[in-house]
Amino acid sequence: MPWHTVETEVPRATRSVAYAHHTETGDPVVCIHASASSATQWMSLVDRLGDRHRPLAVDLHGAGRSPSWRGGRPLTLADEVALLEPALAATGARFHLVGHSYGAAVALKVALMHPHWVASLTVFEPVLFSLLMTDDPERPAAREIGAVRADTSAAIDRGDLHGAGARFVDYWTGAGTWAAMSERRRAAIAAAMSGLKDQWHAVFEEPTPRAALARLDMPALCLIGGRSPESSRSVSRLLVKTLPRVMAVELEGVGHMGPVTHAERVNALIEQHLEGLARRF
């Protein structure tokens, strides 16, 4: 089924580009992608939900057709939310929010900044590493992801975007993944690495107190890959301990990129969660 681009009255240079299914009935479902990805990551979910919902997939800074961050200071999650706000407001109703990895961290920030907009929250391993740093910066998972941040940032600083991409991809999806990719895919990911240091800053340095997360009273689903790195699994476990109305599901045999590599399984769980909420209310 075809997608169409959603236009708003906000100038193109300061807004996210969003993509929607043609169906105009049902509750809005806003989908936010991972790092080194774009709104098209959610194409299969948008198509799956399109008959009963109004799914909308958005591009974050520097992704797809959205502008890169040029704020003259380090990017924050709040800046990502500000980029999305016109598209979110244009839904005209409370929406269900779905996010993966970096996009899940942004989704949590949307919920914190605009809780009255969010009907429910579904996150697949949000990389909100500030939670790890606050909880215990010396735990192995925190040191591990800190090393990935340092290595990729050093590669970017010396102009080695392919080296940064290789370190980033192989950490999240397993050794040898980068080498097995097509040249075209490696080039696309390398280009996305130019914005990675900003994203690292947003998820490591921006304070997100667990007490604030504990006040998010919307129904939440936290999906966790059984084969994911310990860093993102640890963040998810902290989140499950904190959100007041959360259900956790671990997917055996699935890694951090589950919404892409195992889209059918992940999308089915998201659809089931949304349908359960519809029956309940």
Protein backbone atom coordinates (compact mmCIF):
# COMPACT_ATOMS: atom_id res chain seq x y z
CA MET A 1 0.00 0.00 0.00
CA PRO A 2 1.39 3.46 -0.89
CA TRP A 3 2.78 5.95 1.57
CA HIS A 4 2.38 9.67 1.28
CA THR A 5 4.49 12.49 2.67
CA VAL A 6 2.86 14.59 5.38
CA GLU A 7 3.47 18.31 4.94
CA THR A 8 3.04 20.91 7.68
CA GLU A 9 3.10 24.70 7.71
CA VAL A 10 6.47 24.70 9.52
CA PRO A 11 9.47 25.66 7.34
CA ARG A 12 11.17 22.59 5.87
CA ALA A 13 14.54 23.42 7.45
CA THR A 14 13.13 23.15 10.97
CA ARG A 15 10.74 20.22 10.78
CA SER A 16 10.83 16.50 10.42
CA VAL A 17 9.60 14.85 7.26
CA ALA A 18 6.93 12.28 8.09
CA TYR A 19 5.44 9.43 6.11
CA ALA A 20 1.96 8.01 6.57
CA HIS A 21 -0.28 5.25 5.30
CA HIS A 22 -3.16 6.47 3.16
CA THR A 23 -5.82 5.32 5.67
CA GLU A 24 -7.35 8.25 7.57
CA THR A 25 -9.31 6.34 10.24
CA GLY A 26 -8.30 4.95 13.63
CA ASP A 27 -5.94 6.16 16.33
CA PRO A 28 -2.61 7.70 15.27
CA VAL A 29 0.52 5.57 15.80
CA VAL A 30 3.81 7.49 15.58
CA CYS A 31 6.93 5.41 14.80
CA ILE A 32 10.49 6.66 15.47
CA HIS A 33 13.51 4.95 13.91
CA ALA A 34 16.94 3.90 15.19
CA SER A 35 20.33 5.53 14.54
CA ALA A 36 21.75 5.17 11.02
CA SER A 37 18.21 4.49 9.80
CA SER A 38 15.13 6.46 8.73
CA ALA A 39 11.34 6.41 8.74
CA THR A 40 11.37 3.73 6.04
CA GLN A 41 12.54 1.28 8.75
CA TRP A 42 8.88 1.10 9.78
CA MET A 43 7.38 0.55 6.33
CA SER A 44 6.16 -2.97 7.10
CA LEU A 45 4.60 -1.88 10.42
CA VAL A 46 2.89 1.10 8.77
CA ASP A 47 1.41 -1.22 6.14
CA ARG A 48 0.37 -3.76 8.78
CA LEU A 49 -1.45 -1.21 10.94
CA GLY A 50 -2.90 0.87 8.14
CA ASP A 51 -6.35 -0.74 8.02
CA ARG A 52 -7.19 -0.03 11.68
CA HIS A 53 -4.90 2.83 12.71
CA ARG A 54 -3.32 5.98 11.33
CA PRO A 55 0.39 5.06 11.40
CA LEU A 56 2.96 7.80 10.88
CA ALA A 57 6.73 7.24 10.58
CA VAL A 58 8.99 10.25 11.13
CA ASP A 59 12.59 11.17 10.25
CA LEU A 60 14.86 12.44 13.02
CA HIS A 61 17.65 14.99 12.48
CA GLY A 62 19.88 14.03 9.58
CA ALA A 63 17.79 11.00 8.62
CA GLY A 64 15.84 10.45 5.43
CA ARG A 65 14.70 13.85 4.22
CA SER A 66 14.91 15.72 7.53
CA PRO A 67 17.55 18.43 8.09
CA SER A 68 20.80 17.71 9.93
CA TRP A 69 21.34 19.28 13.33
CA ARG A 70 22.93 22.73 13.01
CA GLY A 71 22.14 24.24 16.37
CA GLY A 72 25.65 25.44 17.19
CA ARG A 73 25.71 23.30 20.35
CA PRO A 74 25.40 19.58 21.17
CA LEU A 75 22.12 17.98 20.13
CA THR A 76 19.67 16.98 22.85
CA LEU A 77 16.72 14.62 22.89
CA ALA A 78 14.57 17.69 23.47
CA ASP A 79 15.85 19.05 20.14
CA GLU A 80 14.71 15.86 18.42
CA VAL A 81 11.29 16.25 20.03
CA ALA A 82 11.11 19.87 18.87
CA LEU A 83 11.77 18.71 15.31
CA LEU A 84 8.91 16.22 15.56
CA GLU A 85 6.40 18.44 17.33
CA PRO A 86 4.69 19.82 14.18
CA ALA A 87 4.08 16.29 12.86
CA LEU A 88 2.93 15.12 16.30
CA ALA A 89 0.55 18.04 16.71
CA ALA A 90 -0.79 17.48 13.19
CA THR A 91 -2.18 14.07 14.23
CA GLY A 92 -4.97 16.01 15.92
CA ALA A 93 -5.39 13.40 18.67
CA ARG A 94 -3.59 11.48 21.37
CA PHE A 95 -1.30 9.02 19.65
CA HIS A 96 0.38 5.71 20.36
CA LEU A 97 4.16 6.01 20.30
CA VAL A 98 6.58 3.36 18.99
CA GLY A 99 10.37 3.71 19.08
CA HIS A 100 13.47 1.61 18.49
CA SER A 101 16.93 2.15 20.01
CA TYR A 102 17.80 5.87 19.66
CA GLY A 103 14.25 6.43 18.44
CA ALA A 104 12.97 4.77 21.61
CA ALA A 105 15.03 7.20 23.69
CA VAL A 106 13.41 10.04 21.73
CA ALA A 107 10.00 8.43 22.30
CA LEU A 108 10.59 8.47 26.05
CA LYS A 109 11.50 12.15 25.83
CA VAL A 110 8.28 12.85 23.90
CA ALA A 111 6.33 11.12 26.68
CA LEU A 112 8.17 13.12 29.35
CA MET A 113 7.65 16.46 27.58
CA HIS A 114 4.10 15.84 26.33
CA PRO A 115 2.50 13.10 28.45
CA HIS A 116 -0.99 14.39 27.60
CA TRP A 117 -0.31 13.61 23.91
CA VAL A 118 0.71 9.98 24.41
CA ALA A 119 -1.93 7.25 24.68
CA SER A 120 0.59 4.41 24.97
CA LEU A 121 4.30 3.76 24.64
CA THR A 122 6.09 0.86 22.92
CA VAL A 123 9.90 0.80 23.05
CA PHE A 124 12.41 -1.70 21.71
CA GLU A 125 15.58 -1.31 23.79
CA PRO A 126 15.87 2.45 24.25
CA VAL A 127 19.54 3.45 24.36
CA LEU A 128 19.04 5.94 27.17
CA PHE A 129 22.52 5.39 28.56
CA SER A 130 22.25 8.27 31.00
CA LEU A 131 20.22 5.81 33.11
CA LEU A 132 23.18 3.42 33.20
CA MET A 133 25.63 6.19 34.03
CA THR A 134 23.46 7.40 36.90
CA ASP A 135 22.78 3.90 38.22
CA ASP A 136 26.39 2.63 38.14
CA PRO A 137 28.94 4.01 35.64
CA GLU A 138 31.42 1.28 36.58
CA ARG A 139 29.20 -1.68 35.76
CA PRO A 140 30.50 -3.75 32.82
CA ALA A 141 27.61 -2.77 30.55
CA ALA A 142 28.27 0.94 31.12
CA ARG A 143 32.00 0.58 30.49
CA GLU A 144 31.32 -1.48 27.37
CA ILE A 145 29.06 1.05 25.70
CA GLY A 146 31.34 3.86 26.87
CA ALA A 147 34.15 2.20 24.92
CA VAL A 148 31.97 2.01 21.79
CA ARG A 149 31.20 5.70 22.13
CA ALA A 150 34.89 6.54 22.54
CA ASP A 151 36.02 4.37 19.62
CA THR A 152 33.40 5.63 17.16
CA SER A 153 33.91 9.25 18.22
CA ALA A 154 37.69 8.96 17.73
CA ALA A 155 37.17 7.47 14.27
CA ILE A 156 34.79 10.30 13.33
CA ASP A 157 37.26 12.91 14.59
CA ARG A 158 39.99 11.54 12.33
CA GLY A 159 37.62 11.45 9.36
CA ASP A 160 37.24 7.66 9.26
CA LEU A 161 33.47 7.38 8.91
CA HIS A 162 33.72 3.83 7.57
CA GLY A 163 35.76 2.82 10.61
CA ALA A 164 33.15 4.36 12.89
CA GLY A 165 30.42 2.54 10.99
CA ALA A 166 32.21 -0.78 11.27
CA ARG A 167 32.65 -0.44 15.04
CA PHE A 168 29.05 0.71 15.48
CA VAL A 169 27.42 -1.94 13.31
CA ASP A 170 29.47 -4.87 14.57
CA TYR A 171 28.77 -3.93 18.18
CA TRP A 172 25.02 -3.85 17.68
CA THR A 173 24.64 -6.74 15.26
CA GLY A 174 27.68 -8.99 15.72
CA ALA A 175 31.24 -9.24 14.46
CA GLY A 176 31.48 -9.55 10.70
CA THR A 177 28.18 -7.81 9.94
CA TRP A 178 29.89 -4.76 8.46
CA ALA A 179 32.11 -6.84 6.19
CA ALA A 180 29.11 -8.81 4.93
CA MET A 181 27.16 -5.68 3.95
CA SER A 182 26.93 -4.38 0.42
CA GLU A 183 29.15 -1.44 -0.48
CA ARG A 184 26.07 0.69 -0.95
CA ARG A 185 24.77 -0.09 2.53
CA ARG A 186 28.19 0.56 4.11
CA ALA A 187 28.35 3.92 2.34
CA ALA A 188 24.90 4.90 3.64
CA ILE A 189 25.77 3.99 7.22
CA ALA A 190 29.15 5.74 7.00
CA ALA A 191 27.37 8.91 5.90
CA ALA A 192 25.04 8.64 8.90
CA MET A 193 28.04 8.48 11.25
CA SER A 194 28.55 12.23 10.81
CA GLY A 195 25.69 12.78 13.26
CA LEU A 196 26.56 9.97 15.68
CA LYS A 197 28.58 12.07 18.14
CA ASP A 198 25.57 14.34 18.63
CA GLN A 199 23.36 11.33 19.29
CA TRP A 200 25.88 9.88 21.75
CA HIS A 201 25.84 13.19 23.62
CA ALA A 202 22.05 13.19 23.75
CA VAL A 203 21.70 9.69 25.20
CA PHE A 204 24.70 9.84 27.56
CA GLU A 205 24.71 13.39 28.88
CA GLU A 206 21.09 14.54 28.97
CA PRO A 207 19.74 13.89 32.50
CA THR A 208 16.68 11.66 32.65
CA PRO A 209 15.80 11.04 36.31
CA ARG A 210 14.08 7.74 36.97
CA ALA A 211 11.68 9.65 39.22
CA ALA A 212 10.40 11.50 36.13
CA LEU A 213 9.99 8.24 34.20
CA ALA A 214 8.09 6.79 37.17
CA ARG A 215 5.42 9.43 36.64
CA LEU A 216 4.62 8.28 33.09
CA ASP A 217 1.23 6.72 33.62
CA MET A 218 0.40 5.57 30.09
CA PRO A 219 0.41 1.82 29.25
CA ALA A 220 3.85 0.76 28.07
CA LEU A 221 5.35 -2.25 26.29
CA CYS A 222 9.10 -2.82 26.54
CA LEU A 223 10.52 -5.27 23.98
CA ILE A 224 13.96 -6.77 24.63
CA GLY A 225 16.12 -8.89 22.35
CA GLY A 226 17.45 -12.06 23.94
CA ARG A 227 20.70 -11.73 21.95
CA SER A 228 21.20 -7.99 22.33
CA PRO A 229 24.27 -6.37 23.93
CA GLU A 230 24.14 -6.08 27.69
CA SER A 231 24.16 -2.28 27.53
CA SER A 232 20.74 -1.92 25.90
CA ARG A 233 19.34 -4.86 27.85
CA SER A 234 20.43 -3.19 31.09
CA VAL A 235 18.69 0.07 30.15
CA SER A 236 15.53 -1.89 29.38
CA ARG A 237 15.65 -3.67 32.73
CA LEU A 238 15.99 -0.33 34.55
CA LEU A 239 13.06 0.99 32.56
CA VAL A 240 10.91 -2.02 33.42
CA LYS A 241 11.66 -1.42 37.11
CA THR A 242 10.66 2.23 36.78
CA LEU A 243 7.63 2.66 34.51
CA PRO A 244 4.43 2.15 36.53
CA ARG A 245 2.32 0.41 33.84
CA VAL A 246 4.83 -1.53 31.79
CA MET A 247 4.77 -5.04 30.33
CA ALA A 248 8.10 -6.55 29.27
CA VAL A 249 8.55 -9.15 26.52
CA GLU A 250 11.89 -10.77 25.71
CA LEU A 251 12.29 -12.17 22.21
CA GLU A 252 14.45 -15.27 22.19
CA GLY A 253 16.99 -15.39 19.38
CA VAL A 254 16.50 -11.71 18.48
CA GLY A 255 19.18 -9.02 18.68
CA HIS A 256 19.11 -5.26 19.06
CA MET A 257 18.07 -4.72 15.45
CA GLY A 258 15.01 -6.93 15.91
CA PRO A 259 12.52 -4.45 14.40
CA VAL A 260 14.50 -4.79 11.15
CA THR A 261 15.84 -8.36 11.22
CA HIS A 262 12.71 -9.90 12.77
CA ALA A 263 10.11 -7.37 11.68
CA GLU A 264 7.27 -9.89 11.46
CA ARG A 265 7.68 -11.03 15.08
CA VAL A 266 8.20 -7.53 16.46
CA ASN A 267 5.37 -5.98 14.44
CA ALA A 268 2.98 -8.72 15.54
CA LEU A 269 3.70 -7.91 19.20
CA ILE A 270 3.18 -4.20 18.59
CA GLU A 271 -0.10 -4.86 16.80
CA GLN A 272 -1.24 -7.21 19.57
CA HIS A 273 -0.43 -4.57 22.18
CA LEU A 274 -2.38 -1.88 20.32
CA GLU A 275 -5.35 -4.16 19.73
CA GLY A 276 -5.40 -5.08 23.42
CA LEU A 277 -5.55 -1.42 24.35
CA ALA A 278 -8.37 -0.83 21.88
CA ARG A 279 -10.43 -3.64 23.47
CA ARG A 280 -9.73 -2.34 26.95
CA PHE A 281 -10.83 1.26 26.36
